[in-house]
Amino acid sequence: MIKFRNFRSNTYGYNVCEMTVVIYAICKLIGETPLIPKTPCDFSKVAKEANRIAQIVGISNKISDSYNIHIDEICSQVQSIIEKLCFDKKFSLEEIKKSCEQESFLHPPLIYPSMM
C-alpha cells in the first residue's frame, strides 16, 4: 500500500496543500493539463480534480460530491491513482515521487509517496 510520508492530516493548510501538489504533479506526469492551481485551493476543487484524474487512469470509484469532503477521501483517491499508475507499469513510484518533489513549492517537500 502506498502511504504519504510526513502527511499531516490534522493540519488543514498543509494537507490540502500537499494533496494539491501531488495531484498537480500526477497531471503533469501523465500529460494532462491541471485544472487546479498549484497553490492550495478548497477541498471541493481538489476532490473534483482527483476524480477527473482517477477517471483518466481507469479508476471508477469517486469521491462524493457532498459539501463535507474530508481530506482522507482525497488522500485515498490519490493513493488509488498512484497504485494504478504503478500497477499498470506506466510510472514507477520513484518517478512519481520525483515529479512530486519537482512540483512542490514547499521547502523541503513535506510529502511524497512511499511504500509503507
PDB file of N, CA and C in Angstrom:
ATOM      1  N   MET A   1       0.837  -1.182   0.000  1.00  0.00           N
ATOM      2  CA  MET A   1       0.000   0.000   0.000  1.00  0.00           C
ATOM      3  C   MET A   1       0.883   1.247   0.000  1.00  0.00           C
ATOM      4  N   ILE A   2       0.453   2.249  -0.695  1.00  0.00           N
ATOM      5  CA  ILE A   2       1.204   3.492  -0.771  1.00  0.00           C
ATOM      6  C   ILE A   2       0.712   4.441   0.306  1.00  0.00           C
ATOM      7  N   LYS A   3       1.634   5.005   1.018  1.00  0.00           N
ATOM      8  CA  LYS A   3       1.324   6.000   2.048  1.00  0.00           C
ATOM      9  C   LYS A   3       2.028   7.290   1.670  1.00  0.00           C
ATOM     10  N   PHE A   4       1.603   8.366   2.307  1.00  0.00           N
ATOM     11  CA  PHE A   4       2.266   9.638   2.084  1.00  0.00           C
ATOM     12  C   PHE A   4       3.124   9.973   3.287  1.00  0.00           C
ATOM     13  N   ARG A   5       4.413   9.987   3.078  1.00  0.00           N
ATOM     14  CA  ARG A   5       5.343  10.263   4.157  1.00  0.00           C
ATOM     15  C   ARG A   5       5.181  11.708   4.620  1.00  0.00           C
ATOM     16  N   ASN A   6       5.174  11.891   5.909  1.00  0.00           N
ATOM     17  CA  ASN A   6       5.058  13.210   6.529  1.00  0.00           C
ATOM     18  C   ASN A   6       3.695  13.858   6.319  1.00  0.00           C
ATOM     19  N   PHE A   7       2.706  13.091   5.876  1.00  0.00           N
ATOM     20  CA  PHE A   7       1.365  13.653   5.678  1.00  0.00           C
ATOM     21  C   PHE A   7       0.750  13.991   7.022  1.00  0.00           C
ATOM     22  N   ARG A   8       0.310  15.238   7.160  1.00  0.00           N
ATOM     23  CA  ARG A   8      -0.228  15.696   8.439  1.00  0.00           C
ATOM     24  C   ARG A   8      -1.719  15.980   8.281  1.00  0.00           C
ATOM     25  N   SER A   9      -2.543  14.971   8.477  1.00  0.00           N
ATOM     26  CA  SER A   9      -3.975  15.122   8.220  1.00  0.00           C
ATOM     27  C   SER A   9      -4.676  15.991   9.250  1.00  0.00           C
ATOM     28  N   ASN A  10      -3.996  16.375  10.303  1.00  0.00           N
ATOM     29  CA  ASN A  10      -4.635  17.224  11.301  1.00  0.00           C
ATOM     30  C   ASN A  10      -4.337  18.705  11.081  1.00  0.00           C
ATOM     31  N   THR A  11      -3.659  19.040  10.021  1.00  0.00           N
ATOM     32  CA  THR A  11      -3.304  20.432   9.762  1.00  0.00           C
ATOM     33  C   THR A  11      -3.918  20.848   8.435  1.00  0.00           C
ATOM     34  N   TYR A  12      -5.003  21.590   8.475  1.00  0.00           N
ATOM     35  CA  TYR A  12      -5.760  21.918   7.264  1.00  0.00           C
ATOM     36  C   TYR A  12      -4.886  22.504   6.165  1.00  0.00           C
ATOM     37  N   GLY A  13      -4.151  23.551   6.468  1.00  0.00           N
ATOM     38  CA  GLY A  13      -3.391  24.249   5.439  1.00  0.00           C
ATOM     39  C   GLY A  13      -2.390  23.369   4.729  1.00  0.00           C
ATOM     40  N   TYR A  14      -1.706  22.530   5.471  1.00  0.00           N
ATOM     41  CA  TYR A  14      -0.710  21.677   4.845  1.00  0.00           C
ATOM     42  C   TYR A  14      -1.337  20.528   4.090  1.00  0.00           C
ATOM     43  N   ASN A  15      -2.371  19.899   4.629  1.00  0.00           N
ATOM     44  CA  ASN A  15      -2.844  18.699   3.951  1.00  0.00           C
ATOM     45  C   ASN A  15      -3.496  18.988   2.613  1.00  0.00           C
ATOM     46  N   VAL A  16      -4.304  20.038   2.520  1.00  0.00           N
ATOM     47  CA  VAL A  16      -4.899  20.346   1.217  1.00  0.00           C
ATOM     48  C   VAL A  16      -3.804  20.835   0.268  1.00  0.00           C
ATOM     49  N   CYS A  17      -2.838  21.529   0.794  1.00  0.00           N
ATOM     50  CA  CYS A  17      -1.708  21.997   0.001  1.00  0.00           C
ATOM     51  C   CYS A  17      -0.916  20.811  -0.547  1.00  0.00           C
ATOM     52  N   GLU A  18      -0.644  19.842   0.298  1.00  0.00           N
ATOM     53  CA  GLU A  18       0.132  18.674  -0.111  1.00  0.00           C
ATOM     54  C   GLU A  18      -0.601  17.852  -1.164  1.00  0.00           C
ATOM     55  N   MET A  19      -1.883  17.608  -0.958  1.00  0.00           N
ATOM     56  CA  MET A  19      -2.648  16.835  -1.941  1.00  0.00           C
ATOM     57  C   MET A  19      -2.737  17.586  -3.259  1.00  0.00           C
ATOM     58  N   THR A  20      -2.847  18.905  -3.198  1.00  0.00           N
ATOM     59  CA  THR A  20      -2.878  19.715  -4.415  1.00  0.00           C
ATOM     60  C   THR A  20      -1.592  19.522  -5.208  1.00  0.00           C
ATOM     61  N   VAL A  21      -0.458  19.566  -4.532  1.00  0.00           N
ATOM     62  CA  VAL A  21       0.836  19.395  -5.196  1.00  0.00           C
ATOM     63  C   VAL A  21       0.949  18.008  -5.817  1.00  0.00           C
ATOM     64  N   VAL A  22       0.524  16.978  -5.095  1.00  0.00           N
ATOM     65  CA  VAL A  22       0.628  15.612  -5.614  1.00  0.00           C
ATOM     66  C   VAL A  22      -0.268  15.441  -6.840  1.00  0.00           C
ATOM     67  N   ILE A  23      -1.498  15.928  -6.776  1.00  0.00           N
ATOM     68  CA  ILE A  23      -2.410  15.825  -7.923  1.00  0.00           C
ATOM     69  C   ILE A  23      -1.848  16.606  -9.108  1.00  0.00           C
ATOM     70  N   TYR A  24      -1.348  17.790  -8.854  1.00  0.00           N
ATOM     71  CA  TYR A  24      -0.751  18.616  -9.899  1.00  0.00           C
ATOM     72  C   TYR A  24       0.422  17.877 -10.550  1.00  0.00           C
ATOM     73  N   ALA A  25       1.272  17.274  -9.722  1.00  0.00           N
ATOM     74  CA  ALA A  25       2.438  16.538 -10.230  1.00  0.00           C
ATOM     75  C   ALA A  25       2.010  15.344 -11.081  1.00  0.00           C
ATOM     76  N   ILE A  26       0.976  14.636 -10.643  1.00  0.00           N
ATOM     77  CA  ILE A  26       0.486  13.483 -11.410  1.00  0.00           C
ATOM     78  C   ILE A  26      -0.069  13.944 -12.754  1.00  0.00           C
ATOM     79  N   CYS A  27      -0.806  15.052 -12.755  1.00  0.00           N
ATOM     80  CA  CYS A  27      -1.322  15.600 -14.019  1.00  0.00           C
ATOM     81  C   CYS A  27      -0.181  15.832 -14.999  1.00  0.00           C
ATOM     82  N   LYS A  28       0.844  16.520 -14.542  1.00  0.00           N
ATOM     83  CA  LYS A  28       1.986  16.821 -15.402  1.00  0.00           C
ATOM     84  C   LYS A  28       2.659  15.542 -15.895  1.00  0.00           C
ATOM     85  N   LEU A  29       2.778  14.568 -15.006  1.00  0.00           N
ATOM     86  CA  LEU A  29       3.445  13.310 -15.338  1.00  0.00           C
ATOM     87  C   LEU A  29       2.698  12.541 -16.424  1.00  0.00           C
ATOM     88  N   ILE A  30       1.367  12.539 -16.361  1.00  0.00           N
ATOM     89  CA  ILE A  30       0.583  11.779 -17.340  1.00  0.00           C
ATOM     90  C   ILE A  30       0.212  12.604 -18.571  1.00  0.00           C
ATOM     91  N   GLY A  31       0.694  13.853 -18.616  1.00  0.00           N
ATOM     92  CA  GLY A  31       0.463  14.688 -19.789  1.00  0.00           C
ATOM     93  C   GLY A  31      -0.869  15.402 -19.809  1.00  0.00           C
ATOM     94  N   GLU A  32      -1.487  15.546 -18.662  1.00  0.00           N
ATOM     95  CA  GLU A  32      -2.755  16.270 -18.556  1.00  0.00           C
ATOM     96  C   GLU A  32      -2.496  17.691 -18.074  1.00  0.00           C
ATOM     97  N   THR A  33      -3.297  18.620 -18.543  1.00  0.00           N
ATOM     98  CA  THR A  33      -3.220  19.983 -18.037  1.00  0.00           C
ATOM     99  C   THR A  33      -3.977  20.046 -16.722  1.00  0.00           C
ATOM    100  N   PRO A  34      -3.311  20.431 -15.637  1.00  0.00           N
ATOM    101  CA  PRO A  34      -4.008  20.512 -14.348  1.00  0.00           C
ATOM    102  C   PRO A  34      -5.107  21.571 -14.391  1.00  0.00           C
ATOM    103  N   LEU A  35      -6.260  21.244 -13.831  1.00  0.00           N
ATOM    104  CA  LEU A  35      -7.372  22.188 -13.790  1.00  0.00           C
ATOM    105  C   LEU A  35      -7.468  22.894 -12.441  1.00  0.00           C
ATOM    106  N   ILE A  36      -6.465  22.680 -11.609  1.00  0.00           N
ATOM    107  CA  ILE A  36      -6.389  23.388 -10.333  1.00  0.00           C
ATOM    108  C   ILE A  36      -5.038  24.092 -10.285  1.00  0.00           C
ATOM    109  N   PRO A  37      -4.974  25.209  -9.559  1.00  0.00           N
ATOM    110  CA  PRO A  37      -3.673  25.864  -9.421  1.00  0.00           C
ATOM    111  C   PRO A  37      -2.770  25.050  -8.505  1.00  0.00           C
ATOM    112  N   LYS A  38      -1.487  25.267  -8.608  1.00  0.00           N
ATOM    113  CA  LYS A  38      -0.552  24.553  -7.740  1.00  0.00           C
ATOM    114  C   LYS A  38      -0.613  25.091  -6.313  1.00  0.00           C
ATOM    115  N   THR A  39      -1.142  26.278  -6.158  1.00  0.00           N
ATOM    116  CA  THR A  39      -1.327  26.831  -4.819  1.00  0.00           C
ATOM    117  C   THR A  39      -2.571  26.204  -4.210  1.00  0.00           C
ATOM    118  N   PRO A  40      -2.671  26.162  -2.899  1.00  0.00           N
ATOM    119  CA  PRO A  40      -3.814  25.484  -2.265  1.00  0.00           C
ATOM    120  C   PRO A  40      -5.153  26.092  -2.670  1.00  0.00           C
ATOM    121  N   CYS A  41      -6.125  25.227  -2.874  1.00  0.00           N
ATOM    122  CA  CYS A  41      -7.481  25.686  -3.119  1.00  0.00           C
ATOM    123  C   CYS A  41      -8.412  24.821  -2.272  1.00  0.00           C
ATOM    124  N   ASP A  42      -9.706  25.050  -2.380  1.00  0.00           N
ATOM    125  CA  ASP A  42     -10.618  24.359  -1.468  1.00  0.00           C
ATOM    126  C   ASP A  42     -10.757  22.871  -1.791  1.00  0.00           C
ATOM    127  N   PHE A  43     -11.242  22.143  -0.792  1.00  0.00           N
ATOM    128  CA  PHE A  43     -11.372  20.688  -0.889  1.00  0.00           C
ATOM    129  C   PHE A  43     -12.175  20.260  -2.108  1.00  0.00           C
ATOM    130  N   SER A  44     -13.270  20.963  -2.401  1.00  0.00           N
ATOM    131  CA  SER A  44     -14.142  20.514  -3.490  1.00  0.00           C
ATOM    132  C   SER A  44     -13.424  20.565  -4.834  1.00  0.00           C
ATOM    133  N   LYS A  45     -12.616  21.588  -5.071  1.00  0.00           N
ATOM    134  CA  LYS A  45     -11.873  21.678  -6.334  1.00  0.00           C
ATOM    135  C   LYS A  45     -10.809  20.583  -6.422  1.00  0.00           C
ATOM    136  N   VAL A  46     -10.128  20.343  -5.309  1.00  0.00           N
ATOM    137  CA  VAL A  46      -9.103  19.302  -5.281  1.00  0.00           C
ATOM    138  C   VAL A  46      -9.751  17.930  -5.475  1.00  0.00           C
ATOM    139  N   ALA A  47     -10.899  17.710  -4.836  1.00  0.00           N
ATOM    140  CA  ALA A  47     -11.620  16.436  -4.970  1.00  0.00           C
ATOM    141  C   ALA A  47     -12.089  16.223  -6.408  1.00  0.00           C
ATOM    142  N   LYS A  48     -12.610  17.268  -7.043  1.00  0.00           N
ATOM    143  CA  LYS A  48     -13.060  17.156  -8.436  1.00  0.00           C
ATOM    144  C   LYS A  48     -11.892  16.809  -9.358  1.00  0.00           C
ATOM    145  N   GLU A  49     -10.746  17.419  -9.108  1.00  0.00           N
ATOM    146  CA  GLU A  49      -9.571  17.131  -9.933  1.00  0.00           C
ATOM    147  C   GLU A  49      -9.081  15.707  -9.686  1.00  0.00           C
ATOM    148  N   ALA A  50      -9.115  15.258  -8.443  1.00  0.00           N
ATOM    149  CA  ALA A  50      -8.733  13.871  -8.137  1.00  0.00           C
ATOM    150  C   ALA A  50      -9.675  12.900  -8.846  1.00  0.00           C
ATOM    151  N   ASN A  51     -10.970  13.192  -8.851  1.00  0.00           N
ATOM    152  CA  ASN A  51     -11.937  12.353  -9.563  1.00  0.00           C
ATOM    153  C   ASN A  51     -11.658  12.335 -11.065  1.00  0.00           C
ATOM    154  N   ARG A  52     -11.337  13.492 -11.627  1.00  0.00           N
ATOM    155  CA  ARG A  52     -11.064  13.586 -13.063  1.00  0.00           C
ATOM    156  C   ARG A  52      -9.843  12.746 -13.431  1.00  0.00           C
ATOM    157  N   ILE A  53      -8.784  12.854 -12.654  1.00  0.00           N
ATOM    158  CA  ILE A  53      -7.568  12.093 -12.939  1.00  0.00           C
ATOM    159  C   ILE A  53      -7.811  10.601 -12.723  1.00  0.00           C
ATOM    160  N   ALA A  54      -8.577  10.261 -11.697  1.00  0.00           N
ATOM    161  CA  ALA A  54      -8.910   8.849 -11.450  1.00  0.00           C
ATOM    162  C   ALA A  54      -9.615   8.256 -12.663  1.00  0.00           C
ATOM    163  N   GLN A  55     -10.553   9.000 -13.219  1.00  0.00           N
ATOM    164  CA  GLN A  55     -11.287   8.531 -14.396  1.00  0.00           C
ATOM    165  C   GLN A  55     -10.332   8.355 -15.584  1.00  0.00           C
ATOM    166  N   ILE A  56      -9.411   9.277 -15.762  1.00  0.00           N
ATOM    167  CA  ILE A  56      -8.451   9.201 -16.866  1.00  0.00           C
ATOM    168  C   ILE A  56      -7.582   7.948 -16.758  1.00  0.00           C
ATOM    169  N   VAL A  57      -7.155   7.604 -15.532  1.00  0.00           N
ATOM    170  CA  VAL A  57      -6.277   6.432 -15.375  1.00  0.00           C
ATOM    171  C   VAL A  57      -7.055   5.129 -15.249  1.00  0.00           C
ATOM    172  N   GLY A  58      -8.385   5.210 -15.206  1.00  0.00           N
ATOM    173  CA  GLY A  58      -9.202   3.999 -15.213  1.00  0.00           C
ATOM    174  C   GLY A  58      -9.704   3.535 -13.866  1.00  0.00           C
ATOM    175  N   ILE A  59      -9.868   4.451 -12.937  1.00  0.00           N
ATOM    176  CA  ILE A  59     -10.427   4.116 -11.622  1.00  0.00           C
ATOM    177  C   ILE A  59     -11.864   4.609 -11.594  1.00  0.00           C
ATOM    178  N   SER A  60     -12.775   3.720 -11.214  1.00  0.00           N
ATOM    179  CA  SER A  60     -14.191   4.092 -11.267  1.00  0.00           C
ATOM    180  C   SER A  60     -14.723   4.696  -9.971  1.00  0.00           C
ATOM    181  N   ASN A  61     -14.098   4.371  -8.831  1.00  0.00           N
ATOM    182  CA  ASN A  61     -14.642   4.921  -7.587  1.00  0.00           C
ATOM    183  C   ASN A  61     -14.425   6.426  -7.535  1.00  0.00           C
ATOM    184  N   LYS A  62     -15.405   7.121  -6.972  1.00  0.00           N
ATOM    185  CA  LYS A  62     -15.347   8.574  -6.947  1.00  0.00           C
ATOM    186  C   LYS A  62     -15.489   9.099  -5.535  1.00  0.00           C
ATOM    187  N   ILE A  63     -14.892  10.242  -5.304  1.00  0.00           N
ATOM    188  CA  ILE A  63     -15.103  10.963  -4.056  1.00  0.00           C
ATOM    189  C   ILE A  63     -16.500  11.560  -4.143  1.00  0.00           C
ATOM    190  N   SER A  64     -17.219  11.520  -3.058  1.00  0.00           N
ATOM    191  CA  SER A  64     -18.584  12.050  -3.049  1.00  0.00           C
ATOM    192  C   SER A  64     -18.582  13.540  -3.394  1.00  0.00           C
ATOM    193  N   ASP A  65     -19.679  13.988  -3.943  1.00  0.00           N
ATOM    194  CA  ASP A  65     -19.822  15.400  -4.289  1.00  0.00           C
ATOM    195  C   ASP A  65     -20.430  16.210  -3.149  1.00  0.00           C
ATOM    196  N   SER A  66     -20.469  15.627  -1.977  1.00  0.00           N
ATOM    197  CA  SER A  66     -21.100  16.318  -0.854  1.00  0.00           C
ATOM    198  C   SER A  66     -20.270  17.518  -0.412  1.00  0.00           C
ATOM    199  N   TYR A  67     -20.883  18.355   0.374  1.00  0.00           N
ATOM    200  CA  TYR A  67     -20.224  19.555   0.882  1.00  0.00           C
ATOM    201  C   TYR A  67     -19.130  19.198   1.886  1.00  0.00           C
ATOM    202  N   ASN A  68     -19.347  18.130   2.637  1.00  0.00           N
ATOM    203  CA  ASN A  68     -18.409  17.732   3.693  1.00  0.00           C
ATOM    204  C   ASN A  68     -17.377  16.727   3.196  1.00  0.00           C
ATOM    205  N   ILE A  69     -16.530  17.141   2.305  1.00  0.00           N
ATOM    206  CA  ILE A  69     -15.464  16.272   1.811  1.00  0.00           C
ATOM    207  C   ILE A  69     -14.347  16.283   2.846  1.00  0.00           C
ATOM    208  N   HIS A  70     -13.866  15.111   3.199  1.00  0.00           N
ATOM    209  CA  HIS A  70     -12.779  15.009   4.176  1.00  0.00           C
ATOM    210  C   HIS A  70     -11.470  14.756   3.440  1.00  0.00           C
ATOM    211  N   ILE A  71     -10.399  15.272   3.978  1.00  0.00           N
ATOM    212  CA  ILE A  71      -9.087  15.114   3.345  1.00  0.00           C
ATOM    213  C   ILE A  71      -8.719  13.647   3.165  1.00  0.00           C
ATOM    214  N   ASP A  72      -9.180  12.782   4.054  1.00  0.00           N
ATOM    215  CA  ASP A  72      -8.864  11.356   3.920  1.00  0.00           C
ATOM    216  C   ASP A  72      -9.448  10.761   2.645  1.00  0.00           C
ATOM    217  N   GLU A  73     -10.612  11.274   2.201  1.00  0.00           N
ATOM    218  CA  GLU A  73     -11.207  10.807   0.941  1.00  0.00           C
ATOM    219  C   GLU A  73     -10.307  11.177  -0.232  1.00  0.00           C
ATOM    220  N   ILE A  74      -9.817  12.403  -0.211  1.00  0.00           N
ATOM    221  CA  ILE A  74      -8.939  12.863  -1.283  1.00  0.00           C
ATOM    222  C   ILE A  74      -7.637  12.068  -1.269  1.00  0.00           C
ATOM    223  N   CYS A  75      -7.081  11.895  -0.092  1.00  0.00           N
ATOM    224  CA  CYS A  75      -5.830  11.149   0.053  1.00  0.00           C
ATOM    225  C   CYS A  75      -5.998   9.714  -0.448  1.00  0.00           C
ATOM    226  N   SER A  76      -7.107   9.088  -0.104  1.00  0.00           N
ATOM    227  CA  SER A  76      -7.382   7.717  -0.534  1.00  0.00           C
ATOM    228  C   SER A  76      -7.484   7.631  -2.059  1.00  0.00           C
ATOM    229  N   GLN A  77      -8.154   8.606  -2.658  1.00  0.00           N
ATOM    230  CA  GLN A  77      -8.294   8.623  -4.116  1.00  0.00           C
ATOM    231  C   GLN A  77      -6.926   8.788  -4.779  1.00  0.00           C
ATOM    232  N   VAL A  78      -6.109   9.679  -4.240  1.00  0.00           N
ATOM    233  CA  VAL A  78      -4.780   9.903  -4.803  1.00  0.00           C
ATOM    234  C   VAL A  78      -3.913   8.653  -4.632  1.00  0.00           C
ATOM    235  N   GLN A  79      -4.030   7.976  -3.497  1.00  0.00           N
ATOM    236  CA  GLN A  79      -3.315   6.711  -3.304  1.00  0.00           C
ATOM    237  C   GLN A  79      -3.725   5.706  -4.376  1.00  0.00           C
ATOM    238  N   SER A  80      -5.034   5.627  -4.649  1.00  0.00           N
ATOM    239  CA  SER A  80      -5.532   4.701  -5.675  1.00  0.00           C
ATOM    240  C   SER A  80      -4.971   5.042  -7.050  1.00  0.00           C
ATOM    241  N   ILE A  81      -4.890   6.323  -7.352  1.00  0.00           N
ATOM    242  CA  ILE A  81      -4.343   6.759  -8.641  1.00  0.00           C
ATOM    243  C   ILE A  81      -2.882   6.327  -8.765  1.00  0.00           C
ATOM    244  N   ILE A  82      -2.103   6.577  -7.723  1.00  0.00           N
ATOM    245  CA  ILE A  82      -0.681   6.215  -7.750  1.00  0.00           C
ATOM    246  C   ILE A  82      -0.514   4.704  -7.866  1.00  0.00           C
ATOM    247  N   GLU A  83      -1.293   3.955  -7.098  1.00  0.00           N
ATOM    248  CA  GLU A  83      -1.215   2.493  -7.159  1.00  0.00           C
ATOM    249  C   GLU A  83      -1.555   1.989  -8.553  1.00  0.00           C
ATOM    250  N   LYS A  84      -2.568   2.580  -9.178  1.00  0.00           N
ATOM    251  CA  LYS A  84      -2.973   2.179 -10.528  1.00  0.00           C
ATOM    252  C   LYS A  84      -1.861   2.477 -11.536  1.00  0.00           C
ATOM    253  N   LEU A  85      -1.267   3.658 -11.438  1.00  0.00           N
ATOM    254  CA  LEU A  85      -0.179   4.009 -12.354  1.00  0.00           C
ATOM    255  C   LEU A  85       1.006   3.055 -12.191  1.00  0.00           C
ATOM    256  N   CYS A  86       1.308   2.690 -10.956  1.00  0.00           N
ATOM    257  CA  CYS A  86       2.415   1.754 -10.697  1.00  0.00           C
ATOM    258  C   CYS A  86       2.051   0.337 -11.137  1.00  0.00           C
ATOM    259  N   PHE A  87       0.817  -0.096 -10.836  1.00  0.00           N
ATOM    260  CA  PHE A  87       0.369  -1.446 -11.189  1.00  0.00           C
ATOM    261  C   PHE A  87       0.370  -1.643 -12.702  1.00  0.00           C
ATOM    262  N   ASP A  88      -0.094  -0.619 -13.419  1.00  0.00           N
ATOM    263  CA  ASP A  88      -0.114  -0.695 -14.882  1.00  0.00           C
ATOM    264  C   ASP A  88       1.272  -0.493 -15.489  1.00  0.00           C
ATOM    265  N   LYS A  89       2.255  -0.281 -14.622  1.00  0.00           N
ATOM    266  CA  LYS A  89       3.643  -0.079 -15.027  1.00  0.00           C
ATOM    267  C   LYS A  89       3.813   1.122 -15.958  1.00  0.00           C
ATOM    268  N   LYS A  90       2.959   2.126 -15.774  1.00  0.00           N
ATOM    269  CA  LYS A  90       3.099   3.353 -16.554  1.00  0.00           C
ATOM    270  C   LYS A  90       4.205   4.222 -15.976  1.00  0.00           C
ATOM    271  N   PHE A  91       4.289   4.237 -14.645  1.00  0.00           N
ATOM    272  CA  PHE A  91       5.318   5.008 -13.955  1.00  0.00           C
ATOM    273  C   PHE A  91       5.743   4.246 -12.716  1.00  0.00           C
ATOM    274  N   SER A  92       6.998   4.408 -12.352  1.00  0.00           N
ATOM    275  CA  SER A  92       7.467   3.807 -11.100  1.00  0.00           C
ATOM    276  C   SER A  92       7.141   4.757  -9.952  1.00  0.00           C
ATOM    277  N   LEU A  93       7.143   4.219  -8.761  1.00  0.00           N
ATOM    278  CA  LEU A  93       6.913   5.042  -7.582  1.00  0.00           C
ATOM    279  C   LEU A  93       7.985   6.125  -7.481  1.00  0.00           C
ATOM    280  N   GLU A  94       9.190   5.786  -7.883  1.00  0.00           N
ATOM    281  CA  GLU A  94      10.294   6.756  -7.845  1.00  0.00           C
ATOM    282  C   GLU A  94      10.040   7.914  -8.811  1.00  0.00           C
ATOM    283  N   GLU A  95       9.500   7.621  -9.996  1.00  0.00           N
ATOM    284  CA  GLU A  95       9.184   8.683 -10.958  1.00  0.00           C
ATOM    285  C   GLU A  95       8.094   9.599 -10.416  1.00  0.00           C
ATOM    286  N   ILE A  96       7.097   9.014  -9.778  1.00  0.00           N
ATOM    287  CA  ILE A  96       6.002   9.804  -9.209  1.00  0.00           C
ATOM    288  C   ILE A  96       6.532  10.666  -8.070  1.00  0.00           C
ATOM    289  N   LYS A  97       7.360  10.078  -7.231  1.00  0.00           N
ATOM    290  CA  LYS A  97       7.966  10.821  -6.122  1.00  0.00           C
ATOM    291  C   LYS A  97       8.774  12.004  -6.656  1.00  0.00           C
ATOM    292  N   LYS A  98       9.575  11.756  -7.687  1.00  0.00           N
ATOM    293  CA  LYS A  98      10.413  12.810  -8.259  1.00  0.00           C
ATOM    294  C   LYS A  98       9.551  13.938  -8.826  1.00  0.00           C
ATOM    295  N   SER A  99       8.459  13.582  -9.486  1.00  0.00           N
ATOM    296  CA  SER A  99       7.546  14.581 -10.026  1.00  0.00           C
ATOM    297  C   SER A  99       6.935  15.424  -8.906  1.00  0.00           C
ATOM    298  N   CYS A 100       6.568  14.765  -7.811  1.00  0.00           N
ATOM    299  CA  CYS A 100       6.009  15.489  -6.656  1.00  0.00           C
ATOM    300  C   CYS A 100       7.033  16.465  -6.096  1.00  0.00           C
ATOM    301  N   GLU A 101       8.260  16.017  -5.992  1.00  0.00           N
ATOM    302  CA  GLU A 101       9.313  16.879  -5.455  1.00  0.00           C
ATOM    303  C   GLU A 101       9.594  18.053  -6.388  1.00  0.00           C
ATOM    304  N   GLN A 102       9.549  17.826  -7.695  1.00  0.00           N
ATOM    305  CA  GLN A 102       9.789  18.903  -8.655  1.00  0.00           C
ATOM    306  C   GLN A 102       8.679  19.942  -8.625  1.00  0.00           C
ATOM    307  N   GLU A 103       7.451  19.504  -8.415  1.00  0.00           N
ATOM    308  CA  GLU A 103       6.318  20.425  -8.414  1.00  0.00           C
ATOM    309  C   GLU A 103       6.086  21.091  -7.062  1.00  0.00           C
ATOM    310  N   SER A 104       6.714  20.565  -6.028  1.00  0.00           N
ATOM    311  CA  SER A 104       6.470  21.079  -4.686  1.00  0.00           C
ATOM    312  C   SER A 104       7.016  22.488  -4.530  1.00  0.00           C
ATOM    313  N   PHE A 105       6.193  23.343  -3.934  1.00  0.00           N
ATOM    314  CA  PHE A 105       6.650  24.692  -3.628  1.00  0.00           C
ATOM    315  C   PHE A 105       6.950  24.811  -2.140  1.00  0.00           C
ATOM    316  N   LEU A 106       6.929  23.690  -1.439  1.00  0.00           N
ATOM    317  CA  LEU A 106       7.255  23.653  -0.023  1.00  0.00           C
ATOM    318  C   LEU A 106       8.717  23.258   0.108  1.00  0.00           C
ATOM    319  N   HIS A 107       9.430  23.896   0.968  1.00  0.00           N
ATOM    320  CA  HIS A 107      10.853  23.585   1.118  1.00  0.00           C
ATOM    321  C   HIS A 107      11.168  23.240   2.555  1.00  0.00           C
ATOM    322  N   PRO A 108      11.637  22.041   2.849  1.00  0.00           N
ATOM    323  CA  PRO A 108      11.746  20.925   1.913  1.00  0.00           C
ATOM    324  C   PRO A 108      10.366  20.356   1.614  1.00  0.00           C
ATOM    325  N   PRO A 109      10.209  19.581   0.551  1.00  0.00           N
ATOM    326  CA  PRO A 109       8.899  18.992   0.265  1.00  0.00           C
ATOM    327  C   PRO A 109       8.396  18.204   1.467  1.00  0.00           C
ATOM    328  N   LEU A 110       7.168  18.449   1.838  1.00  0.00           N
ATOM    329  CA  LEU A 110       6.609  17.809   3.024  1.00  0.00           C
ATOM    330  C   LEU A 110       6.003  16.459   2.722  1.00  0.00           C
ATOM    331  N   ILE A 111       5.757  16.182   1.470  1.00  0.00           N
ATOM    332  CA  ILE A 111       5.029  14.964   1.143  1.00  0.00           C
ATOM    333  C   ILE A 111       5.603  14.317  -0.099  1.00  0.00           C
ATOM    334  N   TYR A 112       5.652  13.033  -0.066  1.00  0.00           N
ATOM    335  CA  TYR A 112       5.900  12.275  -1.278  1.00  0.00           C
ATOM    336  C   TYR A 112       5.467  10.848  -1.021  1.00  0.00           C
ATOM    337  N   PRO A 113       5.041  10.167  -2.061  1.00  0.00           N
ATOM    338  CA  PRO A 113       4.555   8.803  -1.868  1.00  0.00           C
ATOM    339  C   PRO A 113       5.700   7.845  -1.588  1.00  0.00           C
ATOM    340  N   SER A 114       5.452   6.898  -0.734  1.00  0.00           N
ATOM    341  CA  SER A 114       6.441   5.858  -0.452  1.00  0.00           C
ATOM    342  C   SER A 114       5.713   4.581  -0.066  1.00  0.00           C
ATOM    343  N   MET A 115       6.386   3.474  -0.219  1.00  0.00           N
ATOM    344  CA  MET A 115       5.796   2.200   0.180  1.00  0.00           C
ATOM    345  C   MET A 115       5.964   2.045   1.677  1.00  0.00           C
ATOM    346  N   MET A 116       4.899   1.695   2.338  1.00  0.00           N
ATOM    347  CA  MET A 116       4.949   1.501   3.792  1.00  0.00           C
ATOM    348  C   MET A 116       4.577   0.082   4.124  1.00  0.00           C
TER     349      MET A 116
END
